[in-house]
N, C-alpha and C. Protein backbone atom coordinates (compact mmCIF):
# COMPACT_ATOMS: atom_id res chain seq x y z
N MET A 1 10.25 -14.44 10.63
CA MET A 1 9.59 -15.72 10.59
C MET A 1 10.65 -16.81 10.53
N PRO A 2 10.51 -17.84 11.32
CA PRO A 2 11.49 -18.90 11.32
C PRO A 2 11.60 -19.55 9.95
N GLU A 3 12.80 -19.98 9.60
CA GLU A 3 13.02 -20.59 8.29
C GLU A 3 12.84 -22.10 8.36
N LYS A 4 11.85 -22.57 9.08
CA LYS A 4 11.55 -24.00 9.19
C LYS A 4 10.76 -24.41 7.96
N ALA A 5 9.79 -25.22 8.16
CA ALA A 5 8.94 -25.66 7.06
C ALA A 5 8.13 -24.47 6.53
N SER A 6 7.68 -24.61 5.29
CA SER A 6 6.88 -23.53 4.73
C SER A 6 5.56 -23.45 5.49
N HIS A 7 5.02 -22.26 5.54
CA HIS A 7 3.81 -21.99 6.32
C HIS A 7 2.83 -21.23 5.44
N ARG A 8 1.62 -21.70 5.38
CA ARG A 8 0.58 -21.01 4.61
C ARG A 8 0.00 -19.90 5.47
N VAL A 9 0.06 -18.70 4.96
CA VAL A 9 -0.46 -17.54 5.67
C VAL A 9 -1.88 -17.28 5.17
N ASN A 10 -2.82 -17.31 6.09
CA ASN A 10 -4.19 -16.96 5.75
C ASN A 10 -4.44 -15.52 6.18
N PHE A 11 -4.98 -14.76 5.25
CA PHE A 11 -5.29 -13.36 5.54
C PHE A 11 -6.57 -13.00 4.81
N ALA A 12 -7.14 -11.87 5.20
CA ALA A 12 -8.35 -11.38 4.54
C ALA A 12 -8.31 -9.87 4.50
N LEU A 13 -8.78 -9.32 3.41
CA LEU A 13 -8.96 -7.87 3.30
C LEU A 13 -10.22 -7.52 4.07
N VAL A 14 -10.09 -6.65 5.07
CA VAL A 14 -11.24 -6.32 5.91
C VAL A 14 -11.74 -4.89 5.72
N ARG A 15 -10.91 -4.04 5.10
CA ARG A 15 -11.35 -2.65 4.94
C ARG A 15 -10.50 -1.95 3.88
N ILE A 16 -11.14 -1.09 3.12
CA ILE A 16 -10.48 -0.22 2.15
C ILE A 16 -10.80 1.21 2.55
N ILE A 17 -9.77 2.04 2.63
CA ILE A 17 -9.95 3.43 3.02
C ILE A 17 -9.32 4.33 1.96
N THR A 18 -10.11 5.23 1.39
CA THR A 18 -9.54 6.27 0.53
C THR A 18 -9.13 7.40 1.47
N GLU A 19 -7.85 7.40 1.83
CA GLU A 19 -7.34 8.40 2.78
C GLU A 19 -7.38 9.80 2.16
N ASN A 20 -7.08 9.87 0.84
CA ASN A 20 -7.05 11.17 0.16
C ASN A 20 -7.15 10.93 -1.34
N ILE A 21 -7.97 11.74 -1.99
CA ILE A 21 -7.92 11.83 -3.44
C ILE A 21 -8.16 13.29 -3.78
N ASP A 22 -7.22 13.85 -4.46
CA ASP A 22 -7.29 15.28 -4.77
C ASP A 22 -6.96 15.46 -6.25
N LEU A 23 -7.89 16.02 -6.99
CA LEU A 23 -7.69 16.36 -8.40
C LEU A 23 -7.56 17.87 -8.47
N ILE A 24 -6.43 18.34 -9.03
CA ILE A 24 -6.10 19.77 -8.98
C ILE A 24 -5.97 20.30 -10.41
N PRO A 25 -7.10 20.68 -11.01
CA PRO A 25 -7.07 21.12 -12.42
C PRO A 25 -6.17 22.33 -12.67
N ASP A 26 -6.04 23.23 -11.68
CA ASP A 26 -5.21 24.42 -11.88
C ASP A 26 -3.73 24.09 -12.04
N SER A 27 -3.31 22.90 -11.62
CA SER A 27 -1.90 22.49 -11.74
C SER A 27 -1.66 21.61 -12.97
N PHE A 28 -2.68 21.45 -13.79
CA PHE A 28 -2.62 20.55 -14.93
C PHE A 28 -2.61 21.31 -16.24
N GLU A 29 -1.69 20.90 -17.15
CA GLU A 29 -1.64 21.47 -18.49
C GLU A 29 -1.74 20.34 -19.50
N GLU A 30 -2.79 20.37 -20.31
CA GLU A 30 -3.01 19.35 -21.32
C GLU A 30 -1.81 19.24 -22.25
N GLY A 31 -1.40 18.02 -22.53
CA GLY A 31 -0.32 17.78 -23.49
C GLY A 31 1.09 17.89 -22.93
N LYS A 32 1.24 18.30 -21.68
CA LYS A 32 2.57 18.41 -21.07
C LYS A 32 2.96 17.07 -20.44
N PRO A 33 4.26 16.75 -20.41
CA PRO A 33 4.67 15.50 -19.77
C PRO A 33 4.41 15.53 -18.26
N ALA A 34 4.20 14.34 -17.72
CA ALA A 34 3.92 14.21 -16.29
C ALA A 34 4.83 13.15 -15.71
N LYS A 35 5.07 13.25 -14.42
CA LYS A 35 5.83 12.20 -13.73
C LYS A 35 5.00 11.71 -12.55
N ILE A 36 5.35 10.50 -12.10
CA ILE A 36 4.62 9.87 -11.00
C ILE A 36 5.59 9.61 -9.86
N ASN A 37 5.15 9.92 -8.65
CA ASN A 37 5.89 9.55 -7.44
C ASN A 37 5.03 8.58 -6.65
N THR A 38 5.69 7.58 -6.09
CA THR A 38 4.96 6.53 -5.36
C THR A 38 5.54 6.37 -3.97
N GLY A 39 4.67 6.16 -3.00
CA GLY A 39 5.09 5.89 -1.63
C GLY A 39 4.34 4.69 -1.08
N LEU A 40 4.99 3.99 -0.15
CA LEU A 40 4.42 2.79 0.43
C LEU A 40 4.79 2.76 1.90
N ASN A 41 3.81 2.44 2.75
CA ASN A 41 4.07 2.38 4.17
C ASN A 41 3.23 1.25 4.79
N PHE A 42 3.69 0.74 5.91
CA PHE A 42 3.02 -0.36 6.60
C PHE A 42 2.82 0.01 8.06
N GLY A 43 1.78 -0.54 8.64
CA GLY A 43 1.54 -0.39 10.07
C GLY A 43 0.81 -1.63 10.57
N ILE A 44 0.77 -1.79 11.89
CA ILE A 44 0.07 -2.93 12.47
C ILE A 44 -0.81 -2.49 13.63
N ASP A 45 -1.84 -3.29 13.89
CA ASP A 45 -2.68 -3.15 15.07
C ASP A 45 -2.58 -4.50 15.78
N THR A 46 -1.80 -4.54 16.85
CA THR A 46 -1.54 -5.79 17.55
C THR A 46 -2.76 -6.32 18.29
N ASN A 47 -3.71 -5.47 18.59
CA ASN A 47 -4.92 -5.92 19.29
C ASN A 47 -5.84 -6.74 18.40
N ARG A 48 -5.80 -6.46 17.10
CA ARG A 48 -6.74 -7.12 16.18
C ARG A 48 -6.03 -7.94 15.09
N ASN A 49 -4.69 -8.07 15.18
CA ASN A 49 -3.90 -8.79 14.16
C ASN A 49 -4.11 -8.20 12.77
N PHE A 50 -4.10 -6.87 12.71
CA PHE A 50 -4.28 -6.16 11.45
C PHE A 50 -2.95 -5.65 10.92
N VAL A 51 -2.81 -5.72 9.61
CA VAL A 51 -1.71 -5.06 8.91
C VAL A 51 -2.34 -4.03 8.00
N LYS A 52 -1.84 -2.80 8.07
CA LYS A 52 -2.33 -1.72 7.21
C LYS A 52 -1.25 -1.43 6.18
N VAL A 53 -1.67 -1.39 4.93
CA VAL A 53 -0.77 -1.02 3.84
C VAL A 53 -1.28 0.30 3.28
N LEU A 54 -0.43 1.30 3.26
CA LEU A 54 -0.77 2.63 2.76
C LEU A 54 0.01 2.87 1.48
N TYR A 55 -0.70 3.15 0.40
CA TYR A 55 -0.10 3.34 -0.92
C TYR A 55 -0.47 4.73 -1.42
N LYS A 56 0.54 5.49 -1.84
CA LYS A 56 0.31 6.86 -2.27
C LYS A 56 0.94 7.09 -3.64
N ASN A 57 0.21 7.79 -4.50
CA ASN A 57 0.71 8.21 -5.81
C ASN A 57 0.42 9.69 -5.99
N THR A 58 1.41 10.38 -6.51
CA THR A 58 1.18 11.77 -6.94
C THR A 58 1.62 11.88 -8.38
N PHE A 59 0.82 12.58 -9.17
CA PHE A 59 1.13 12.86 -10.56
C PHE A 59 1.48 14.34 -10.62
N GLN A 60 2.61 14.65 -11.27
CA GLN A 60 3.10 16.03 -11.28
C GLN A 60 3.43 16.52 -12.69
N GLN A 61 3.26 17.82 -12.85
CA GLN A 61 3.79 18.56 -13.99
C GLN A 61 4.46 19.80 -13.42
N ASN A 62 5.64 20.10 -13.89
CA ASN A 62 6.39 21.27 -13.42
C ASN A 62 6.47 21.31 -11.89
N GLU A 63 6.73 20.15 -11.28
CA GLU A 63 6.88 20.01 -9.83
C GLU A 63 5.62 20.34 -9.03
N LYS A 64 4.47 20.43 -9.71
CA LYS A 64 3.20 20.67 -9.03
C LYS A 64 2.30 19.44 -9.18
N ASN A 65 1.73 19.00 -8.07
CA ASN A 65 0.83 17.86 -8.10
C ASN A 65 -0.48 18.25 -8.78
N PHE A 66 -0.95 17.38 -9.68
CA PHE A 66 -2.29 17.59 -10.24
C PHE A 66 -3.23 16.44 -9.89
N ILE A 67 -2.67 15.31 -9.46
CA ILE A 67 -3.46 14.22 -8.90
C ILE A 67 -2.71 13.70 -7.68
N GLU A 68 -3.44 13.55 -6.59
CA GLU A 68 -2.89 12.92 -5.39
C GLU A 68 -3.89 11.86 -4.95
N ILE A 69 -3.40 10.67 -4.71
CA ILE A 69 -4.27 9.60 -4.22
C ILE A 69 -3.52 8.80 -3.16
N GLU A 70 -4.21 8.54 -2.08
CA GLU A 70 -3.64 7.77 -0.97
C GLU A 70 -4.73 6.78 -0.52
N VAL A 71 -4.41 5.50 -0.63
CA VAL A 71 -5.37 4.44 -0.32
C VAL A 71 -4.74 3.50 0.70
N ALA A 72 -5.54 3.07 1.66
CA ALA A 72 -5.09 2.09 2.65
C ALA A 72 -5.95 0.85 2.54
N CYS A 73 -5.32 -0.30 2.65
CA CYS A 73 -6.03 -1.56 2.77
C CYS A 73 -5.65 -2.17 4.12
N ILE A 74 -6.65 -2.63 4.83
CA ILE A 74 -6.44 -3.27 6.13
C ILE A 74 -6.67 -4.76 5.94
N PHE A 75 -5.67 -5.54 6.35
CA PHE A 75 -5.74 -6.99 6.24
C PHE A 75 -5.67 -7.60 7.63
N THR A 76 -6.44 -8.64 7.87
CA THR A 76 -6.31 -9.39 9.10
C THR A 76 -5.48 -10.63 8.79
N ILE A 77 -4.60 -10.97 9.71
CA ILE A 77 -3.70 -12.12 9.57
C ILE A 77 -4.13 -13.17 10.58
N ASN A 78 -4.19 -14.43 10.16
CA ASN A 78 -4.61 -15.47 11.09
C ASN A 78 -3.64 -15.55 12.27
N GLU A 79 -4.15 -16.03 13.39
CA GLU A 79 -3.41 -16.03 14.66
C GLU A 79 -2.08 -16.79 14.58
N GLU A 80 -2.07 -17.94 13.96
CA GLU A 80 -0.83 -18.73 13.87
C GLU A 80 0.26 -17.97 13.13
N SER A 81 -0.10 -17.36 12.02
CA SER A 81 0.87 -16.58 11.26
C SER A 81 1.32 -15.35 12.04
N TRP A 82 0.36 -14.70 12.71
CA TRP A 82 0.70 -13.51 13.51
C TRP A 82 1.76 -13.86 14.54
N GLN A 83 1.59 -15.00 15.19
CA GLN A 83 2.56 -15.41 16.21
C GLN A 83 3.93 -15.71 15.59
N LEU A 84 3.94 -16.30 14.40
CA LEU A 84 5.22 -16.57 13.72
C LEU A 84 5.94 -15.28 13.34
N PHE A 85 5.19 -14.25 12.98
CA PHE A 85 5.79 -12.98 12.56
C PHE A 85 6.18 -12.10 13.75
N SER A 86 5.67 -12.42 14.93
CA SER A 86 5.91 -11.61 16.12
C SER A 86 7.13 -12.12 16.88
N ASN A 87 8.11 -11.24 17.07
CA ASN A 87 9.29 -11.57 17.86
C ASN A 87 9.18 -10.75 19.14
N LYS A 88 8.55 -11.34 20.15
CA LYS A 88 8.28 -10.60 21.39
C LYS A 88 9.56 -10.26 22.14
N GLU A 89 10.57 -11.13 22.05
CA GLU A 89 11.84 -10.86 22.75
C GLU A 89 12.50 -9.59 22.23
N GLU A 90 12.43 -9.38 20.92
CA GLU A 90 13.05 -8.19 20.34
C GLU A 90 12.05 -7.05 20.14
N GLY A 91 10.76 -7.34 20.42
CA GLY A 91 9.74 -6.30 20.27
C GLY A 91 9.51 -5.90 18.82
N LYS A 92 9.60 -6.89 17.91
CA LYS A 92 9.46 -6.61 16.48
C LYS A 92 8.41 -7.51 15.84
N PHE A 93 7.74 -6.94 14.87
CA PHE A 93 6.84 -7.70 14.01
C PHE A 93 7.51 -7.72 12.64
N ILE A 94 7.76 -8.93 12.12
CA ILE A 94 8.50 -9.06 10.86
C ILE A 94 7.58 -9.65 9.81
N LEU A 95 7.16 -8.80 8.87
CA LEU A 95 6.32 -9.21 7.76
C LEU A 95 7.23 -9.64 6.62
N PRO A 96 7.19 -10.92 6.23
CA PRO A 96 8.09 -11.39 5.17
C PRO A 96 7.92 -10.59 3.88
N LYS A 97 9.03 -10.36 3.19
CA LYS A 97 9.05 -9.54 1.98
C LYS A 97 8.02 -10.00 0.95
N GLY A 98 7.91 -11.30 0.73
CA GLY A 98 6.97 -11.80 -0.26
C GLY A 98 5.53 -11.48 0.07
N LEU A 99 5.16 -11.67 1.33
CA LEU A 99 3.80 -11.36 1.76
C LEU A 99 3.57 -9.86 1.74
N ALA A 100 4.54 -9.09 2.21
CA ALA A 100 4.42 -7.62 2.19
C ALA A 100 4.22 -7.13 0.76
N GLY A 101 4.98 -7.70 -0.17
CA GLY A 101 4.84 -7.31 -1.57
C GLY A 101 3.47 -7.66 -2.14
N HIS A 102 2.96 -8.82 -1.75
CA HIS A 102 1.64 -9.24 -2.21
C HIS A 102 0.55 -8.30 -1.67
N LEU A 103 0.62 -7.98 -0.39
CA LEU A 103 -0.36 -7.06 0.19
C LEU A 103 -0.24 -5.67 -0.43
N ALA A 104 0.99 -5.25 -0.71
CA ALA A 104 1.21 -3.95 -1.36
C ALA A 104 0.63 -3.95 -2.77
N MET A 105 0.80 -5.06 -3.50
CA MET A 105 0.26 -5.14 -4.86
C MET A 105 -1.26 -5.09 -4.84
N LEU A 106 -1.89 -5.76 -3.88
CA LEU A 106 -3.34 -5.69 -3.75
C LEU A 106 -3.80 -4.26 -3.47
N THR A 107 -3.04 -3.55 -2.64
CA THR A 107 -3.39 -2.17 -2.29
C THR A 107 -3.19 -1.25 -3.50
N ALA A 108 -2.10 -1.43 -4.24
CA ALA A 108 -1.86 -0.62 -5.44
C ALA A 108 -2.97 -0.86 -6.47
N SER A 109 -3.39 -2.10 -6.63
CA SER A 109 -4.46 -2.41 -7.57
C SER A 109 -5.78 -1.77 -7.13
N THR A 110 -6.02 -1.76 -5.84
CA THR A 110 -7.22 -1.11 -5.31
C THR A 110 -7.16 0.39 -5.60
N ALA A 111 -6.00 1.00 -5.38
CA ALA A 111 -5.83 2.44 -5.66
C ALA A 111 -6.04 2.72 -7.15
N ARG A 112 -5.57 1.82 -8.00
CA ARG A 112 -5.74 1.98 -9.44
C ARG A 112 -7.22 2.04 -9.80
N GLY A 113 -8.01 1.15 -9.22
CA GLY A 113 -9.45 1.14 -9.48
C GLY A 113 -10.15 2.37 -8.95
N ILE A 114 -9.77 2.81 -7.77
CA ILE A 114 -10.37 4.01 -7.18
C ILE A 114 -10.05 5.23 -8.04
N LEU A 115 -8.79 5.33 -8.48
CA LEU A 115 -8.40 6.46 -9.33
C LEU A 115 -9.20 6.46 -10.63
N HIS A 116 -9.34 5.32 -11.25
CA HIS A 116 -10.13 5.24 -12.49
C HIS A 116 -11.56 5.71 -12.25
N ASN A 117 -12.17 5.21 -11.19
CA ASN A 117 -13.55 5.57 -10.87
C ASN A 117 -13.70 7.07 -10.62
N GLU A 118 -12.76 7.64 -9.89
CA GLU A 118 -12.86 9.06 -9.51
C GLU A 118 -12.56 10.00 -10.68
N THR A 119 -11.85 9.52 -11.70
CA THR A 119 -11.47 10.40 -12.81
C THR A 119 -12.26 10.12 -14.09
N GLU A 120 -13.14 9.12 -14.04
CA GLU A 120 -13.89 8.76 -15.24
C GLU A 120 -14.65 9.97 -15.78
N GLY A 121 -14.53 10.19 -17.09
CA GLY A 121 -15.21 11.31 -17.73
C GLY A 121 -14.46 12.63 -17.61
N THR A 122 -13.22 12.60 -17.10
CA THR A 122 -12.41 13.81 -16.98
C THR A 122 -11.11 13.62 -17.78
N PRO A 123 -10.40 14.71 -18.07
CA PRO A 123 -9.10 14.57 -18.75
C PRO A 123 -8.07 13.79 -17.93
N PHE A 124 -8.29 13.69 -16.61
CA PHE A 124 -7.36 12.97 -15.74
C PHE A 124 -7.46 11.46 -15.91
N ASN A 125 -8.51 10.98 -16.57
CA ASN A 125 -8.73 9.54 -16.66
C ASN A 125 -7.67 8.81 -17.46
N ARG A 126 -6.92 9.52 -18.28
CA ARG A 126 -5.85 8.83 -19.03
C ARG A 126 -4.60 8.63 -18.20
N TYR A 127 -4.57 9.18 -16.99
CA TYR A 127 -3.45 8.96 -16.08
C TYR A 127 -3.84 7.83 -15.13
N PHE A 128 -3.03 6.82 -15.11
CA PHE A 128 -3.33 5.67 -14.27
C PHE A 128 -2.08 5.19 -13.57
N ILE A 129 -2.28 4.46 -12.53
CA ILE A 129 -1.17 3.90 -11.77
C ILE A 129 -0.63 2.71 -12.55
N PRO A 130 0.63 2.76 -12.96
CA PRO A 130 1.19 1.66 -13.76
C PRO A 130 1.18 0.34 -12.99
N ALA A 131 1.11 -0.74 -13.74
CA ALA A 131 1.11 -2.08 -13.14
C ALA A 131 2.55 -2.55 -12.96
N ASN A 132 3.32 -1.78 -12.22
CA ASN A 132 4.71 -2.15 -11.92
C ASN A 132 4.75 -3.19 -10.81
N ASN A 133 5.89 -3.81 -10.64
CA ASN A 133 6.07 -4.78 -9.57
C ASN A 133 6.35 -4.01 -8.28
N VAL A 134 5.32 -3.85 -7.47
CA VAL A 134 5.45 -3.11 -6.21
C VAL A 134 6.45 -3.80 -5.29
N ASN A 135 6.61 -5.10 -5.44
CA ASN A 135 7.56 -5.86 -4.63
C ASN A 135 8.98 -5.30 -4.75
N ASP A 136 9.28 -4.69 -5.90
CA ASP A 136 10.61 -4.08 -6.09
C ASP A 136 10.85 -2.89 -5.16
N MET A 137 9.79 -2.33 -4.61
CA MET A 137 9.93 -1.21 -3.68
C MET A 137 10.40 -1.67 -2.30
N LEU A 138 10.35 -2.98 -2.07
CA LEU A 138 10.69 -3.53 -0.76
C LEU A 138 12.04 -4.23 -0.84
N PRO A 139 13.08 -3.66 -0.25
CA PRO A 139 14.40 -4.30 -0.31
C PRO A 139 14.51 -5.55 0.55
N SER A 140 13.64 -5.65 1.58
CA SER A 140 13.74 -6.79 2.50
C SER A 140 12.42 -6.92 3.25
N ASP A 141 12.41 -7.81 4.24
CA ASP A 141 11.23 -7.94 5.10
C ASP A 141 10.87 -6.58 5.69
N VAL A 142 9.60 -6.41 6.00
CA VAL A 142 9.13 -5.18 6.64
C VAL A 142 9.13 -5.41 8.16
N VAL A 143 9.93 -4.63 8.87
CA VAL A 143 10.07 -4.79 10.31
C VAL A 143 9.43 -3.58 10.99
N MET A 144 8.49 -3.88 11.91
CA MET A 144 7.78 -2.83 12.63
C MET A 144 7.85 -3.09 14.12
N PRO A 145 7.79 -2.04 14.93
CA PRO A 145 7.78 -2.25 16.38
C PRO A 145 6.53 -3.00 16.80
N LEU A 146 6.69 -3.95 17.67
CA LEU A 146 5.57 -4.76 18.17
C LEU A 146 5.10 -4.14 19.48
N GLU A 147 4.16 -3.23 19.34
CA GLU A 147 3.63 -2.55 20.52
C GLU A 147 2.14 -2.33 20.29
N ASN A 148 1.41 -2.22 21.35
CA ASN A 148 -0.03 -1.98 21.25
C ASN A 148 -0.28 -0.54 20.89
N HIS A 149 -1.22 -0.34 19.97
CA HIS A 149 -1.58 1.02 19.55
C HIS A 149 -2.96 1.35 20.03
């Protein structure tokens, strides 16, 4: 995005997809320590000006997953912003780090709610996605190939 004047980006959440939620009681031992692994990925749909944010968490004990959750949020970006982020000469779509972090945080929060809902009334309900700064997972702008899918 050009470093000219500041630009207000208008976007909207248009779809939430629970790509995967898997609760694996056989891999779970009550009272044992657990660790969390987190993944984040981005994609675009150039035909509809969509940005997809995919957020994944796995909870493990003894290197075995006992909770897996993968949630995607699809956001539409207004046309003016889409054009600013699109570098047609280089064939790249550049999502600014701040906006990418904000969309990722919205997706992580959505995953947190889905996980709570799916585990309510089970021993897994005390495991939740921490409210960490997802923006820290992004070292820089998110650069994706600008091609039609």
